[in-house]
Amino acid sequence: MKARVFSGIQPTGNPHIGNYLGALKSWAKVQYDYESIYGIVDLHAITLYQNPTELRAKIEELAGVLLAIGIDPKHSALIVQSAVPAHTELSWMLTCVTPVGWLERMTQYKAKSATQETVGDGLLQYPVLMAADILLYQAAIVPVGDDQSQHLELTRDIAQRFNSLYGETFRVPATHLPTVGARVMGLDEPDKKMSKSAKGAGHAVGILEPPDQIRKKIMRATTDSQPAVNIEAPGAGVENLLGIFQAFTEWSNEQMKSHFAGMRYGDLKKQVAEAVISHLEPIQKRYREITAEPGYIAGVLREGAERVSPWANDTVNKVKRAMGIYT
């Protein structure tokens, strides 16, 4: 029996090449090695206010993107988190065994709460819901990026605490992150990770952006004060562009060195832009085909929820019995 893998992505902002190279490409690549569940985590998204109409549209758009990059609904379950009520049911039960101090130590909670006048309880409880997402399916592997590694460690702590209090109930997920891909930085701020929430027009390249727009953004990307590519010690912006090219082309380090050493930045940017555009072209074509088929996305999401609900409900019932809750 194959190990089960779970990972999720929020339906906010525009999915970009950082999401693709950092996680989504790997999701498609490794899905056949595991019993795979991939979630569009809309309940996580609403820890901050979302326009309801836009949120629903973004859920369907993101589902289309995931299918276009190669998530196979005949093999992998593609779900919307809120369509499986067991996520929130388990989250409440886990909340009741999670010390507040554990949650207040979370780096992301500290960073996000510091920028808001009032903080909703959902922001504090976000990691518990993430733990529920993972533990609900008894996932062995959770391919998340470095920015989520603290939450994954908390998931392990919660699982171990519950097992200690109520008996062996949860599989404790692995700490290693075997399928994480490239870390892509912002084109305008190469010292910051590319983000869906960043406001700068030249910050990120969207997966669905037209070629002319992609080319324009990359040609305006921040580089450094050197006249040409110093392959041994590139500035942050140049290093980011080289990393994007290598991630899309899968060139070896030796190929990169021999090809780009001493290249002028204008030529570098042109080649990066063409590599990105040529790779995204078939994904965008497939996305247009998927979204042109009425009801297809809704059907995939419905079938995904139907497939995983028995597993999810089985875990919830085990937890209820362990805690003495009436079933």
Protein backbone atom coordinates (compact mmCIF):
# COMPACT_ATOMS: atom_id res chain seq x y z
CA MET A 1 0.00 0.00 0.00
CA LYS A 2 1.36 3.40 -0.98
CA ALA A 3 1.94 6.08 1.66
CA ARG A 4 -0.63 8.87 1.67
CA VAL A 5 0.43 12.43 0.88
CA PHE A 6 -1.52 15.62 1.57
CA SER A 7 -0.73 19.21 0.64
CA GLY A 8 -2.79 22.33 0.11
CA ILE A 9 -2.73 25.80 -1.40
CA GLN A 10 -4.87 28.84 -0.65
CA PRO A 11 -7.15 30.23 -3.39
CA THR A 12 -6.03 33.82 -2.92
CA GLY A 13 -4.15 36.12 -5.26
CA ASN A 14 -2.85 34.79 -8.57
CA PRO A 15 -0.94 31.49 -8.71
CA HIS A 16 2.56 32.32 -9.90
CA ILE A 17 5.78 30.67 -11.01
CA GLY A 18 7.03 30.65 -7.42
CA ASN A 19 4.07 28.44 -6.45
CA TYR A 20 4.66 26.31 -9.52
CA LEU A 21 8.41 25.77 -9.12
CA GLY A 22 8.27 25.64 -5.31
CA ALA A 23 5.47 23.08 -4.96
CA LEU A 24 2.93 22.51 -7.72
CA LYS A 25 5.35 21.10 -10.28
CA SER A 26 6.49 18.59 -7.67
CA TRP A 27 2.91 17.69 -6.79
CA ALA A 28 2.28 16.61 -10.36
CA LYS A 29 5.62 14.81 -10.60
CA VAL A 30 5.34 12.68 -7.46
CA GLN A 31 1.60 12.06 -7.38
CA TYR A 32 1.89 8.51 -8.71
CA ASP A 33 4.40 7.56 -6.03
CA TYR A 34 1.79 8.09 -3.30
CA GLU A 35 -1.91 7.98 -2.57
CA SER A 36 -2.24 11.70 -3.22
CA ILE A 37 -4.69 14.27 -1.87
CA TYR A 38 -4.31 17.90 -2.90
CA GLY A 39 -6.48 20.54 -1.28
CA ILE A 40 -7.65 24.02 -2.19
CA VAL A 41 -7.74 25.31 1.38
CA ASP A 42 -10.44 27.97 1.31
CA LEU A 43 -11.03 27.81 5.07
CA HIS A 44 -7.45 28.95 5.60
CA ALA A 45 -8.01 31.81 3.18
CA ILE A 46 -10.81 33.32 5.24
CA THR A 47 -8.59 33.96 8.26
CA LEU A 48 -8.35 37.32 6.48
CA TYR A 49 -11.36 38.93 4.79
CA GLN A 50 -12.03 37.74 1.24
CA ASN A 51 -14.59 39.12 -1.19
CA PRO A 52 -17.08 36.20 -1.43
CA THR A 53 -17.60 36.44 -5.19
CA GLU A 54 -13.88 36.69 -5.87
CA LEU A 55 -13.07 33.82 -3.50
CA ARG A 56 -15.44 31.44 -5.26
CA ALA A 57 -14.01 32.42 -8.66
CA LYS A 58 -10.46 31.95 -7.37
CA ILE A 59 -11.29 28.45 -6.09
CA GLU A 60 -12.40 27.37 -9.56
CA GLU A 61 -9.48 29.15 -11.25
CA LEU A 62 -6.97 27.44 -8.98
CA ALA A 63 -8.59 24.06 -9.56
CA GLY A 64 -8.22 24.65 -13.30
CA VAL A 65 -4.54 25.57 -12.88
CA LEU A 66 -3.83 22.44 -10.81
CA LEU A 67 -5.43 20.25 -13.45
CA ALA A 68 -3.57 22.10 -16.22
CA ILE A 69 -0.16 21.54 -14.62
CA GLY A 70 -0.82 17.82 -14.53
CA ILE A 71 -2.71 16.81 -11.39
CA ASP A 72 -4.48 13.65 -12.56
CA PRO A 73 -8.01 13.40 -11.09
CA LYS A 74 -8.15 9.70 -12.01
CA HIS A 75 -5.30 9.09 -9.58
CA SER A 76 -5.11 12.05 -7.17
CA ALA A 77 -8.03 13.41 -5.17
CA LEU A 78 -8.38 17.16 -5.80
CA ILE A 79 -10.63 18.67 -3.13
CA VAL A 80 -11.93 21.94 -1.77
CA GLN A 81 -11.31 21.91 1.97
CA SER A 82 -14.74 23.27 2.95
CA ALA A 83 -16.49 20.57 0.90
CA VAL A 84 -15.31 17.97 3.43
CA PRO A 85 -16.87 19.02 6.79
CA ALA A 86 -14.62 16.64 8.70
CA HIS A 87 -11.78 19.18 8.36
CA THR A 88 -13.50 21.65 10.67
CA GLU A 89 -14.91 18.97 12.97
CA LEU A 90 -11.48 17.50 13.62
CA SER A 91 -9.97 20.97 13.93
CA TRP A 92 -12.22 21.77 16.90
CA MET A 93 -11.31 18.55 18.69
CA LEU A 94 -7.60 19.21 18.13
CA THR A 95 -8.03 22.81 19.32
CA CYS A 96 -9.15 21.41 22.65
CA VAL A 97 -5.84 19.59 23.19
CA THR A 98 -3.52 22.30 21.81
CA PRO A 99 -1.95 24.71 24.36
CA VAL A 100 -2.40 28.39 23.44
CA GLY A 101 1.30 28.96 24.11
CA TRP A 102 2.19 26.64 21.24
CA LEU A 103 0.11 28.75 18.85
CA GLU A 104 1.38 32.09 20.08
CA ARG A 105 4.95 30.99 19.29
CA MET A 106 4.19 30.49 15.60
CA THR A 107 6.35 32.83 13.51
CA GLN A 108 3.66 33.47 10.89
CA TYR A 109 1.10 34.38 13.56
CA LYS A 110 3.50 36.88 15.11
CA ALA A 111 4.31 38.45 11.74
CA LYS A 112 0.73 38.72 10.48
CA SER A 113 -0.83 39.82 13.77
CA ALA A 114 1.76 42.59 14.11
CA THR A 115 0.40 44.26 10.95
CA GLN A 116 -3.28 44.22 11.98
CA GLU A 117 -5.26 46.43 14.34
CA THR A 118 -7.49 43.53 15.37
CA VAL A 119 -6.62 39.86 15.07
CA GLY A 120 -9.28 37.25 14.37
CA ASP A 121 -9.11 34.01 16.33
CA GLY A 122 -8.88 32.16 13.01
CA LEU A 123 -5.37 33.51 12.50
CA LEU A 124 -4.27 32.03 15.83
CA GLN A 125 -6.01 28.71 15.11
CA TYR A 126 -4.71 28.47 11.52
CA PRO A 127 -2.00 25.90 12.42
CA VAL A 128 -4.54 23.68 14.19
CA LEU A 129 -6.71 23.59 11.07
CA MET A 130 -3.59 22.77 9.07
CA ALA A 131 -2.87 19.94 11.50
CA ALA A 132 -6.43 18.69 11.02
CA ASP A 133 -5.99 18.76 7.23
CA ILE A 134 -2.97 16.47 7.52
CA LEU A 135 -4.01 14.18 10.38
CA LEU A 136 -7.52 13.71 8.99
CA TYR A 137 -6.07 11.56 6.20
CA GLN A 138 -3.34 9.93 8.30
CA ALA A 139 -0.85 11.44 5.83
CA ALA A 140 2.68 10.10 5.99
CA ILE A 141 4.22 12.73 3.71
CA VAL A 142 3.50 16.46 3.65
CA PRO A 143 5.38 18.32 0.87
CA VAL A 144 5.49 21.88 2.20
CA GLY A 145 8.03 24.67 1.89
CA ASP A 146 10.37 26.01 4.53
CA ASP A 147 7.86 28.70 5.50
CA GLN A 148 5.43 25.98 6.64
CA SER A 149 7.95 23.71 8.36
CA GLN A 150 7.15 25.15 11.80
CA HIS A 151 3.47 24.38 11.27
CA LEU A 152 4.34 20.83 10.23
CA GLU A 153 6.37 20.40 13.40
CA LEU A 154 3.38 21.67 15.40
CA THR A 155 1.22 19.08 13.63
CA ARG A 156 3.58 16.39 14.88
CA ASP A 157 3.41 17.82 18.41
CA ILE A 158 -0.39 17.89 18.37
CA ALA A 159 -0.58 14.31 17.07
CA GLN A 160 1.83 13.08 19.72
CA ARG A 161 -0.01 14.95 22.49
CA PHE A 162 -3.36 13.50 21.41
CA ASN A 163 -1.90 9.98 21.18
CA SER A 164 -0.42 10.39 24.66
CA LEU A 165 -3.72 11.58 26.15
CA TYR A 166 -6.15 9.27 24.36
CA GLY A 167 -4.16 6.38 22.89
CA GLU A 168 -2.64 5.76 19.47
CA THR A 169 -5.02 7.44 17.04
CA PHE A 170 -2.97 9.48 14.58
CA ARG A 171 -0.11 8.64 12.29
CA VAL A 172 2.64 11.18 13.01
CA PRO A 173 3.71 12.65 9.64
CA ALA A 174 7.33 12.66 8.53
CA THR A 175 9.45 15.73 9.24
CA HIS A 176 11.42 15.56 6.01
CA LEU A 177 10.17 17.49 3.00
CA PRO A 178 11.07 15.30 0.05
CA THR A 179 9.25 17.03 -2.80
CA VAL A 180 9.93 20.72 -2.24
CA GLY A 181 11.27 22.48 -5.31
CA ALA A 182 12.99 25.76 -6.10
CA ARG A 183 12.66 28.82 -3.88
CA VAL A 184 11.73 31.73 -6.15
CA MET A 185 12.15 35.33 -5.01
CA GLY A 186 10.28 38.45 -6.09
CA LEU A 187 11.45 39.99 -9.37
CA ASP A 188 11.32 43.47 -7.82
CA GLU A 189 12.55 42.43 -4.36
CA PRO A 190 14.91 39.47 -4.75
CA ASP A 191 15.50 39.35 -1.00
CA LYS A 192 11.85 38.36 -0.43
CA LYS A 193 10.08 35.18 -1.48
CA MET A 194 7.68 35.60 -4.41
CA SER A 195 4.24 36.03 -2.88
CA LYS A 196 0.64 35.99 -4.09
CA SER A 197 -0.21 38.79 -1.66
CA ALA A 198 2.54 41.22 -2.75
CA LYS A 199 1.15 44.42 -4.27
CA GLY A 200 3.97 45.35 -6.65
CA ALA A 201 3.00 45.02 -10.32
CA GLY A 202 6.44 43.65 -11.20
CA HIS A 203 6.77 41.29 -8.24
CA ALA A 204 5.49 37.96 -9.56
CA VAL A 205 4.89 36.19 -12.86
CA GLY A 206 1.47 34.56 -12.94
CA ILE A 207 1.07 31.08 -14.37
CA LEU A 208 -1.76 32.34 -16.59
CA GLU A 209 -0.19 35.64 -17.67
CA PRO A 210 0.13 36.34 -21.42
CA PRO A 211 3.63 36.14 -22.96
CA ASP A 212 4.01 39.89 -23.57
CA GLN A 213 3.29 40.64 -19.92
CA ILE A 214 5.69 37.94 -18.72
CA ARG A 215 8.43 39.28 -20.98
CA LYS A 216 7.88 42.85 -19.77
CA LYS A 217 8.08 41.87 -16.10
CA ILE A 218 11.24 39.83 -16.48
CA MET A 219 12.97 42.52 -18.55
CA ARG A 220 12.31 44.95 -15.66
CA ALA A 221 13.54 42.56 -12.97
CA THR A 222 16.06 43.82 -10.40
CA THR A 223 19.64 42.71 -11.04
CA ASP A 224 22.74 44.29 -9.45
CA SER A 225 25.45 46.89 -10.13
CA GLN A 226 27.82 44.52 -11.95
CA PRO A 227 28.04 44.91 -15.75
CA ALA A 228 27.47 41.22 -16.53
CA VAL A 229 26.74 37.85 -14.94
CA ASN A 230 29.32 36.93 -12.31
CA ILE A 231 28.48 33.26 -12.21
CA GLU A 232 30.53 32.61 -9.05
CA ALA A 233 29.12 35.51 -7.02
CA PRO A 234 25.93 36.90 -8.60
CA GLY A 235 23.83 39.52 -6.86
CA ALA A 236 20.50 38.40 -5.38
CA GLY A 237 18.46 39.51 -8.40
CA VAL A 238 20.76 37.82 -10.92
CA GLU A 239 20.91 34.68 -8.81
CA ASN A 240 17.10 34.61 -8.77
CA LEU A 241 16.89 34.92 -12.56
CA LEU A 242 19.46 32.17 -13.02
CA GLY A 243 17.56 29.99 -10.58
CA ILE A 244 14.29 30.51 -12.45
CA PHE A 245 15.94 29.59 -15.76
CA GLN A 246 17.55 26.48 -14.31
CA ALA A 247 14.33 25.35 -12.61
CA PHE A 248 12.36 25.64 -15.84
CA THR A 249 15.00 24.11 -18.13
CA GLU A 250 16.53 21.63 -15.65
CA TRP A 251 20.01 22.50 -16.95
CA SER A 252 22.98 21.21 -14.98
CA ASN A 253 25.23 23.57 -13.00
CA GLU A 254 27.96 23.07 -15.59
CA GLN A 255 25.61 24.03 -18.41
CA MET A 256 24.58 27.14 -16.51
CA LYS A 257 28.18 28.20 -15.87
CA SER A 258 29.42 27.72 -19.42
CA HIS A 259 26.39 29.42 -20.97
CA PHE A 260 25.76 32.41 -18.70
CA ALA A 261 29.21 33.42 -17.40
CA GLY A 262 29.88 37.00 -18.48
CA MET A 263 26.52 37.42 -20.24
CA ARG A 264 25.00 40.92 -20.32
CA TYR A 265 21.88 41.30 -18.21
CA GLY A 266 19.64 42.20 -21.14
CA ASP A 267 20.49 38.91 -22.85
CA LEU A 268 20.08 36.99 -19.60
CA LYS A 269 16.60 38.41 -19.09
CA LYS A 270 15.55 37.64 -22.67
CA GLN A 271 16.58 34.00 -22.27
CA VAL A 272 14.86 33.69 -18.88
CA ALA A 273 11.67 35.18 -20.33
CA GLU A 274 11.65 32.77 -23.28
CA ALA A 275 12.27 29.77 -21.01
CA VAL A 276 9.34 30.76 -18.78
CA ILE A 277 7.00 31.52 -21.69
CA SER A 278 7.75 28.30 -23.58
CA HIS A 279 7.22 26.20 -20.44
CA LEU A 280 3.95 27.89 -19.48
CA GLU A 281 2.50 27.82 -22.99
CA PRO A 282 1.19 24.21 -22.88
CA ILE A 283 -0.10 24.74 -19.32
CA GLN A 284 -2.06 27.80 -20.43
CA LYS A 285 -3.41 25.92 -23.47
CA ARG A 286 -4.57 23.05 -21.26
CA TYR A 287 -6.15 25.53 -18.83
CA ARG A 288 -8.19 27.08 -21.66
CA GLU A 289 -9.36 23.62 -22.73
CA ILE A 290 -10.37 22.67 -19.18
CA THR A 291 -12.28 25.85 -18.47
CA ALA A 292 -14.07 25.64 -21.84
CA GLU A 293 -15.70 22.35 -20.79
CA PRO A 294 -18.84 23.23 -18.77
CA GLY A 295 -19.09 21.48 -15.42
CA TYR A 296 -15.76 19.67 -15.70
CA ILE A 297 -14.00 21.41 -12.80
CA ALA A 298 -17.06 21.16 -10.54
CA GLY A 299 -17.28 17.45 -11.32
CA VAL A 300 -13.61 16.82 -10.50
CA LEU A 301 -13.95 18.63 -7.16
CA ARG A 302 -17.17 16.78 -6.30
CA GLU A 303 -15.61 13.41 -7.10
CA GLY A 304 -12.52 14.31 -5.05
CA ALA A 305 -14.63 15.12 -1.99
CA GLU A 306 -16.63 11.92 -2.41
CA ARG A 307 -13.44 9.87 -2.64
CA VAL A 308 -11.79 11.22 0.51
CA SER A 309 -14.86 11.64 2.73
CA PRO A 310 -14.91 7.99 3.92
CA TRP A 311 -11.26 8.29 5.03
CA ALA A 312 -11.94 11.62 6.72
CA ASN A 313 -15.09 10.43 8.47
CA ASP A 314 -13.34 7.28 9.66
CA THR A 315 -10.66 9.40 11.37
CA VAL A 316 -13.24 11.70 12.96
CA ASN A 317 -15.16 8.72 14.34
CA LYS A 318 -11.93 7.24 15.78
CA VAL A 319 -11.17 10.54 17.48
CA LYS A 320 -14.70 10.80 18.89
CA ARG A 321 -14.52 7.29 20.31
CA ALA A 322 -11.09 7.97 21.78
CA MET A 323 -12.31 11.19 23.47
CA GLY A 324 -15.61 9.71 24.63
CA ILE A 325 -17.73 11.95 22.41
CA TYR A 326 -21.17 10.56 21.58
CA THR A 327 -21.44 9.10 18.07
